[in-house]
Amino acid sequence: MDMFVFAKRLKECRISRNVSAIELGKVAGVRSATIYRYENAEFKSIKQDRLDAMADYLGVDSDYLIGKTDEKFNSNILEKFTQKQDFEISNILYITKELISQKNVVLDGKPIPKELLEPICENIEITIELARRKNK
């Protein structure tokens, strides 16, 4: 495992999901200080169950976190998300953005230019925020 790749990817995923180090630490069974050590590559090894717990919570493949692959998701991750009883709409947005950034996206069989993908994601975010306000 490349500790520096793991550190960078863990921090990126945690921040992009708006997850605190305290919250992620609870999931992994460690203190927030340990999460910060992971994110600063100040560790020698990490237990597999902790790695899996963090990857699952962040919605990414553990192989992505440790640098074995550049694909954030595998089909198992997407299945886990869709099997949860409480499926937060923010998870859908997160997955959508990540898949759009990794794959060629088409609309009606034609590739969508990259400059149009950002406004699409922004509109999804706006719609989610409006739904949250109405749901309160």
C-alpha atoms as a PDB file:
ATOM      1  CA  MET A   1       0.000   0.000   0.000  1.00  0.00           C
ATOM      2  CA  ASP A   2       1.232   3.475  -0.877  1.00  0.00           C
ATOM      3  CA  MET A   3       0.675   5.423   2.366  1.00  0.00           C
ATOM      4  CA  PHE A   4       0.727   8.766   0.594  1.00  0.00           C
ATOM      5  CA  VAL A   5      -1.931   7.751  -1.947  1.00  0.00           C
ATOM      6  CA  PHE A   6      -4.061   6.359   0.877  1.00  0.00           C
ATOM      7  CA  ALA A   7      -3.607   9.550   2.931  1.00  0.00           C
ATOM      8  CA  LYS A   8      -4.579  11.810   0.034  1.00  0.00           C
ATOM      9  CA  ARG A   9      -7.568   9.735  -1.058  1.00  0.00           C
ATOM     10  CA  LEU A  10      -8.903   9.221   2.448  1.00  0.00           C
ATOM     11  CA  LYS A  11      -8.844  12.945   3.137  1.00  0.00           C
ATOM     12  CA  GLU A  12     -10.374  13.806  -0.256  1.00  0.00           C
ATOM     13  CA  CYS A  13     -13.207  11.329   0.233  1.00  0.00           C
ATOM     14  CA  ARG A  14     -13.860  12.370   3.819  1.00  0.00           C
ATOM     15  CA  ILE A  15     -14.002  16.069   2.964  1.00  0.00           C
ATOM     16  CA  SER A  16     -16.057  15.620  -0.217  1.00  0.00           C
ATOM     17  CA  ARG A  17     -18.639  13.660   1.783  1.00  0.00           C
ATOM     18  CA  ASN A  18     -18.676  16.254   4.596  1.00  0.00           C
ATOM     19  CA  VAL A  19     -17.659  13.599   7.122  1.00  0.00           C
ATOM     20  CA  SER A  20     -15.781  14.721  10.228  1.00  0.00           C
ATOM     21  CA  ALA A  21     -12.707  12.891  11.462  1.00  0.00           C
ATOM     22  CA  ILE A  22     -14.635  12.166  14.656  1.00  0.00           C
ATOM     23  CA  GLU A  23     -17.498  10.569  12.705  1.00  0.00           C
ATOM     24  CA  LEU A  24     -15.152   8.505  10.529  1.00  0.00           C
ATOM     25  CA  GLY A  25     -13.150   7.492  13.587  1.00  0.00           C
ATOM     26  CA  LYS A  26     -16.273   6.153  15.268  1.00  0.00           C
ATOM     27  CA  VAL A  27     -17.055   4.067  12.205  1.00  0.00           C
ATOM     28  CA  ALA A  28     -13.516   2.672  12.096  1.00  0.00           C
ATOM     29  CA  GLY A  29     -13.247   2.232  15.850  1.00  0.00           C
ATOM     30  CA  VAL A  30     -10.416   4.719  16.289  1.00  0.00           C
ATOM     31  CA  ARG A  31      -9.987   8.249  17.591  1.00  0.00           C
ATOM     32  CA  SER A  32     -10.124  11.272  15.322  1.00  0.00           C
ATOM     33  CA  ALA A  33      -6.390  11.750  15.949  1.00  0.00           C
ATOM     34  CA  THR A  34      -5.791   8.406  14.258  1.00  0.00           C
ATOM     35  CA  ILE A  35      -7.816   9.530  11.246  1.00  0.00           C
ATOM     36  CA  TYR A  36      -5.632  12.637  11.023  1.00  0.00           C
ATOM     37  CA  ARG A  37      -2.518  10.442  11.247  1.00  0.00           C
ATOM     38  CA  TYR A  38      -3.867   8.336   8.383  1.00  0.00           C
ATOM     39  CA  GLU A  39      -4.505  11.496   6.356  1.00  0.00           C
ATOM     40  CA  ASN A  40      -0.961  12.697   6.989  1.00  0.00           C
ATOM     41  CA  ALA A  41       0.631   9.324   6.159  1.00  0.00           C
ATOM     42  CA  GLU A  42       1.894   9.058   9.731  1.00  0.00           C
ATOM     43  CA  PHE A  43       1.239   5.353  10.239  1.00  0.00           C
ATOM     44  CA  LYS A  44       2.881   2.019   9.473  1.00  0.00           C
ATOM     45  CA  SER A  45      -0.140  -0.140   8.729  1.00  0.00           C
ATOM     46  CA  ILE A  46      -3.899  -0.214   8.927  1.00  0.00           C
ATOM     47  CA  LYS A  47      -6.107  -3.134   9.901  1.00  0.00           C
ATOM     48  CA  GLN A  48      -8.232  -4.492   7.075  1.00  0.00           C
ATOM     49  CA  ASP A  49     -11.480  -4.209   9.053  1.00  0.00           C
ATOM     50  CA  ARG A  50     -10.803  -0.514   9.703  1.00  0.00           C
ATOM     51  CA  LEU A  51      -9.987   0.083   6.057  1.00  0.00           C
ATOM     52  CA  ASP A  52     -13.150  -1.706   4.950  1.00  0.00           C
ATOM     53  CA  ALA A  53     -15.313   0.171   7.463  1.00  0.00           C
ATOM     54  CA  MET A  54     -13.998   3.555   6.318  1.00  0.00           C
ATOM     55  CA  ALA A  55     -14.300   2.696   2.628  1.00  0.00           C
ATOM     56  CA  ASP A  56     -17.847   1.440   3.110  1.00  0.00           C
ATOM     57  CA  TYR A  57     -18.858   4.528   5.067  1.00  0.00           C
ATOM     58  CA  LEU A  58     -17.312   6.847   2.487  1.00  0.00           C
ATOM     59  CA  GLY A  59     -18.917   4.893  -0.338  1.00  0.00           C
ATOM     60  CA  VAL A  60     -15.729   3.951  -2.143  1.00  0.00           C
ATOM     61  CA  ASP A  61     -13.874   0.755  -2.884  1.00  0.00           C
ATOM     62  CA  SER A  62     -11.133  -0.019  -0.343  1.00  0.00           C
ATOM     63  CA  ASP A  63      -8.817  -0.841  -3.268  1.00  0.00           C
ATOM     64  CA  TYR A  64      -9.300   2.741  -4.443  1.00  0.00           C
ATOM     65  CA  LEU A  65      -8.302   4.125  -1.047  1.00  0.00           C
ATOM     66  CA  ILE A  66      -5.072   2.147  -0.926  1.00  0.00           C
ATOM     67  CA  GLY A  67      -4.161   2.886  -4.533  1.00  0.00           C
ATOM     68  CA  LYS A  68      -4.713  -0.552  -6.093  1.00  0.00           C
ATOM     69  CA  THR A  69      -7.186   0.956  -8.558  1.00  0.00           C
ATOM     70  CA  ASP A  70      -8.240   4.379  -9.774  1.00  0.00           C
ATOM     71  CA  GLU A  71     -11.890   3.303  -9.959  1.00  0.00           C
ATOM     72  CA  LYS A  72     -13.674   4.686  -6.889  1.00  0.00           C
ATOM     73  CA  PHE A  73     -16.629   2.353  -7.169  1.00  0.00           C
ATOM     74  CA  ASN A  74     -17.216  -1.263  -7.931  1.00  0.00           C
ATOM     75  CA  SER A  75     -20.618  -2.844  -8.418  1.00  0.00           C
ATOM     76  CA  ASN A  76     -20.642  -4.104  -4.817  1.00  0.00           C
ATOM     77  CA  ILE A  77     -20.396  -0.549  -3.484  1.00  0.00           C
ATOM     78  CA  LEU A  78     -23.329   0.614  -5.580  1.00  0.00           C
ATOM     79  CA  GLU A  79     -25.364  -2.403  -4.481  1.00  0.00           C
ATOM     80  CA  LYS A  80     -24.621  -1.643  -0.820  1.00  0.00           C
ATOM     81  CA  PHE A  81     -25.836   1.912  -1.286  1.00  0.00           C
ATOM     82  CA  THR A  82     -29.051   0.874  -2.954  1.00  0.00           C
ATOM     83  CA  GLN A  83     -29.772  -1.807  -0.342  1.00  0.00           C
ATOM     84  CA  LYS A  84     -29.720   0.615   2.601  1.00  0.00           C
ATOM     85  CA  GLN A  85     -33.142   1.333   4.048  1.00  0.00           C
ATOM     86  CA  ASP A  86     -32.441   5.022   4.523  1.00  0.00           C
ATOM     87  CA  PHE A  87     -30.904   6.126   1.263  1.00  0.00           C
ATOM     88  CA  GLU A  88     -29.940   9.761   1.584  1.00  0.00           C
ATOM     89  CA  ILE A  89     -30.440  11.835  -1.535  1.00  0.00           C
ATOM     90  CA  SER A  90     -26.984  13.311  -0.909  1.00  0.00           C
ATOM     91  CA  ASN A  91     -25.551   9.823  -1.502  1.00  0.00           C
ATOM     92  CA  ILE A  92     -27.217   9.765  -4.898  1.00  0.00           C
ATOM     93  CA  LEU A  93     -25.661  13.111  -5.766  1.00  0.00           C
ATOM     94  CA  TYR A  94     -22.232  11.982  -4.564  1.00  0.00           C
ATOM     95  CA  ILE A  95     -22.372   8.760  -6.566  1.00  0.00           C
ATOM     96  CA  THR A  96     -23.691  10.589  -9.624  1.00  0.00           C
ATOM     97  CA  LYS A  97     -20.877  13.147  -9.542  1.00  0.00           C
ATOM     98  CA  GLU A  98     -18.227  10.484  -9.081  1.00  0.00           C
ATOM     99  CA  LEU A  99     -19.570   8.289 -11.867  1.00  0.00           C
ATOM    100  CA  ILE A 100     -19.816  11.279 -14.195  1.00  0.00           C
ATOM    101  CA  SER A 101     -16.192  12.145 -13.494  1.00  0.00           C
ATOM    102  CA  GLN A 102     -15.056   8.555 -14.167  1.00  0.00           C
ATOM    103  CA  LYS A 103     -17.150   7.519 -17.133  1.00  0.00           C
ATOM    104  CA  ASN A 104     -18.162   8.835 -20.518  1.00  0.00           C
ATOM    105  CA  VAL A 105     -21.648  10.208 -19.995  1.00  0.00           C
ATOM    106  CA  VAL A 106     -24.173  10.187 -22.807  1.00  0.00           C
ATOM    107  CA  LEU A 107     -27.617  11.683 -23.270  1.00  0.00           C
ATOM    108  CA  ASP A 108     -29.843  10.162 -25.942  1.00  0.00           C
ATOM    109  CA  GLY A 109     -26.841   8.178 -27.152  1.00  0.00           C
ATOM    110  CA  LYS A 110     -24.638  11.233 -27.685  1.00  0.00           C
ATOM    111  CA  PRO A 111     -21.678  12.176 -25.462  1.00  0.00           C
ATOM    112  CA  ILE A 112     -22.306  15.136 -23.180  1.00  0.00           C
ATOM    113  CA  PRO A 113     -19.548  17.739 -23.428  1.00  0.00           C
ATOM    114  CA  LYS A 114     -17.600  18.111 -20.192  1.00  0.00           C
ATOM    115  CA  GLU A 115     -18.547  21.795 -19.912  1.00  0.00           C
ATOM    116  CA  LEU A 116     -22.212  20.772 -19.592  1.00  0.00           C
ATOM    117  CA  LEU A 117     -21.618  18.205 -16.840  1.00  0.00           C
ATOM    118  CA  GLU A 118     -20.887  20.804 -14.159  1.00  0.00           C
ATOM    119  CA  PRO A 119     -24.161  22.714 -14.707  1.00  0.00           C
ATOM    120  CA  ILE A 120     -26.042  19.403 -14.614  1.00  0.00           C
ATOM    121  CA  CYS A 121     -24.535  18.564 -11.222  1.00  0.00           C
ATOM    122  CA  GLU A 122     -25.170  22.110  -9.975  1.00  0.00           C
ATOM    123  CA  ASN A 123     -28.829  21.810 -10.950  1.00  0.00           C
ATOM    124  CA  ILE A 124     -29.086  18.511  -9.092  1.00  0.00           C
ATOM    125  CA  GLU A 125     -27.608  20.198  -5.997  1.00  0.00           C
ATOM    126  CA  ILE A 126     -30.056  23.113  -6.275  1.00  0.00           C
ATOM    127  CA  THR A 127     -32.981  20.713  -6.595  1.00  0.00           C
ATOM    128  CA  ILE A 128     -31.816  18.785  -3.532  1.00  0.00           C
ATOM    129  CA  GLU A 129     -31.503  21.986  -1.505  1.00  0.00           C
ATOM    130  CA  LEU A 130     -35.013  23.086  -2.518  1.00  0.00           C
ATOM    131  CA  ALA A 131     -36.371  19.669  -1.554  1.00  0.00           C
ATOM    132  CA  ARG A 132     -34.637  19.908   1.848  1.00  0.00           C
ATOM    133  CA  ARG A 133     -36.232  23.286   2.491  1.00  0.00           C
ATOM    134  CA  LYS A 134     -39.683  22.012   1.578  1.00  0.00           C
ATOM    135  CA  ASN A 135     -39.167  18.881   3.658  1.00  0.00           C
ATOM    136  CA  LYS A 136     -38.496  20.865   6.883  1.00  0.00           C
END
